[in-house]
Amino acid sequence: MDTNLHSPGRRLIEMRIEHADLDATIDRLTAQSPADELLMRRLKKRRLALRDQLARLELALDPKEPA
């Protein structure tokens, strides 16, 4: 594995972990009643932005078409 702390591959792993953590947090808060709606919206917005960043980084690391 690349030992560079700022490599795109490492950033991809960190982003996937953060996305999984957000999923778990959202699931846990959804089970609570009453849920903090403002917090839920912020977490979901962050999760969506992170998913978009993941998609862009994955595409940059593994483009589907040759350049």
C-alpha atoms as a PDB file:
ATOM      1  CA  MET A   1       0.000   0.000   0.000  1.00  0.00           C
ATOM      2  CA  ASP A   2       1.157   3.506  -0.723  1.00  0.00           C
ATOM      3  CA  THR A   3       2.743   5.034   2.367  1.00  0.00           C
ATOM      4  CA  ASN A   4       2.155   8.614   1.224  1.00  0.00           C
ATOM      5  CA  LEU A   5      -0.306  10.165   3.681  1.00  0.00           C
ATOM      6  CA  HIS A   6      -1.711  12.458   1.006  1.00  0.00           C
ATOM      7  CA  SER A   7      -2.061   9.974  -1.842  1.00  0.00           C
ATOM      8  CA  PRO A   8      -5.381   9.826  -3.712  1.00  0.00           C
ATOM      9  CA  GLY A   9      -5.754   6.154  -2.798  1.00  0.00           C
ATOM     10  CA  ARG A  10      -5.458   6.885   0.899  1.00  0.00           C
ATOM     11  CA  ARG A  11      -7.873   9.811   0.603  1.00  0.00           C
ATOM     12  CA  LEU A  12     -10.356   7.485  -1.111  1.00  0.00           C
ATOM     13  CA  ILE A  13     -10.159   5.033   1.799  1.00  0.00           C
ATOM     14  CA  GLU A  14     -10.617   7.822   4.352  1.00  0.00           C
ATOM     15  CA  MET A  15     -13.629   9.159   2.474  1.00  0.00           C
ATOM     16  CA  ARG A  16     -15.221   5.695   2.317  1.00  0.00           C
ATOM     17  CA  ILE A  17     -14.746   5.304   6.073  1.00  0.00           C
ATOM     18  CA  GLU A  18     -16.259   8.742   6.710  1.00  0.00           C
ATOM     19  CA  HIS A  19     -19.223   7.865   4.460  1.00  0.00           C
ATOM     20  CA  ALA A  20     -19.790   4.610   6.364  1.00  0.00           C
ATOM     21  CA  ASP A  21     -19.597   6.496   9.671  1.00  0.00           C
ATOM     22  CA  LEU A  22     -22.176   8.997   8.439  1.00  0.00           C
ATOM     23  CA  ASP A  23     -24.459   6.130   7.372  1.00  0.00           C
ATOM     24  CA  ALA A  24     -24.206   4.573  10.825  1.00  0.00           C
ATOM     25  CA  THR A  25     -24.834   7.893  12.555  1.00  0.00           C
ATOM     26  CA  ILE A  26     -27.868   8.648  10.393  1.00  0.00           C
ATOM     27  CA  ASP A  27     -29.268   5.157  11.008  1.00  0.00           C
ATOM     28  CA  ARG A  28     -28.772   5.521  14.761  1.00  0.00           C
ATOM     29  CA  LEU A  29     -30.409   8.956  14.861  1.00  0.00           C
ATOM     30  CA  THR A  30     -33.317   7.748  12.718  1.00  0.00           C
ATOM     31  CA  ALA A  31     -34.049   5.046  15.298  1.00  0.00           C
ATOM     32  CA  GLN A  32     -34.308   7.653  18.035  1.00  0.00           C
ATOM     33  CA  SER A  33     -37.508   9.506  18.611  1.00  0.00           C
ATOM     34  CA  PRO A  34     -37.732  12.402  18.180  1.00  0.00           C
ATOM     35  CA  ALA A  35     -34.878  12.886  15.744  1.00  0.00           C
ATOM     36  CA  ASP A  36     -33.186  16.277  15.424  1.00  0.00           C
ATOM     37  CA  GLU A  37     -34.363  17.241  11.940  1.00  0.00           C
ATOM     38  CA  LEU A  38     -31.774  19.985  11.418  1.00  0.00           C
ATOM     39  CA  LEU A  39     -28.939  17.639  12.368  1.00  0.00           C
ATOM     40  CA  MET A  40     -30.360  14.933  10.104  1.00  0.00           C
ATOM     41  CA  ARG A  41     -30.524  17.321   7.134  1.00  0.00           C
ATOM     42  CA  ARG A  42     -26.937  18.432   7.726  1.00  0.00           C
ATOM     43  CA  LEU A  43     -25.672  14.863   8.006  1.00  0.00           C
ATOM     44  CA  LYS A  44     -27.519  13.764   4.883  1.00  0.00           C
ATOM     45  CA  LYS A  45     -26.242  16.763   2.949  1.00  0.00           C
ATOM     46  CA  ARG A  46     -22.673  15.986   4.065  1.00  0.00           C
ATOM     47  CA  ARG A  47     -23.129  12.323   3.104  1.00  0.00           C
ATOM     48  CA  LEU A  48     -24.397  13.289  -0.357  1.00  0.00           C
ATOM     49  CA  ALA A  49     -21.497  15.705  -0.926  1.00  0.00           C
ATOM     50  CA  LEU A  50     -19.063  13.034   0.204  1.00  0.00           C
ATOM     51  CA  ARG A  51     -20.611  10.504  -2.181  1.00  0.00           C
ATOM     52  CA  ASP A  52     -20.149  12.973  -5.052  1.00  0.00           C
ATOM     53  CA  GLN A  53     -16.511  13.550  -4.069  1.00  0.00           C
ATOM     54  CA  LEU A  54     -15.968   9.782  -3.899  1.00  0.00           C
ATOM     55  CA  ALA A  55     -17.393   9.327  -7.389  1.00  0.00           C
ATOM     56  CA  ARG A  56     -15.149  12.047  -8.820  1.00  0.00           C
ATOM     57  CA  LEU A  57     -12.048  10.660  -7.117  1.00  0.00           C
ATOM     58  CA  GLU A  58     -12.817   7.089  -8.208  1.00  0.00           C
ATOM     59  CA  LEU A  59     -13.258   8.290 -11.781  1.00  0.00           C
ATOM     60  CA  ALA A  60      -9.973  10.200 -11.632  1.00  0.00           C
ATOM     61  CA  LEU A  61      -8.128   7.157 -10.285  1.00  0.00           C
ATOM     62  CA  ASP A  62      -9.712   4.668 -12.691  1.00  0.00           C
ATOM     63  CA  PRO A  63     -11.014   6.401 -15.828  1.00  0.00           C
ATOM     64  CA  LYS A  64     -13.350   4.279 -17.958  1.00  0.00           C
ATOM     65  CA  GLU A  65     -11.981   5.512 -21.267  1.00  0.00           C
ATOM     66  CA  PRO A  66      -8.330   5.729 -22.241  1.00  0.00           C
ATOM     67  CA  ALA A  67      -7.001   9.256 -22.385  1.00  0.00           C
END
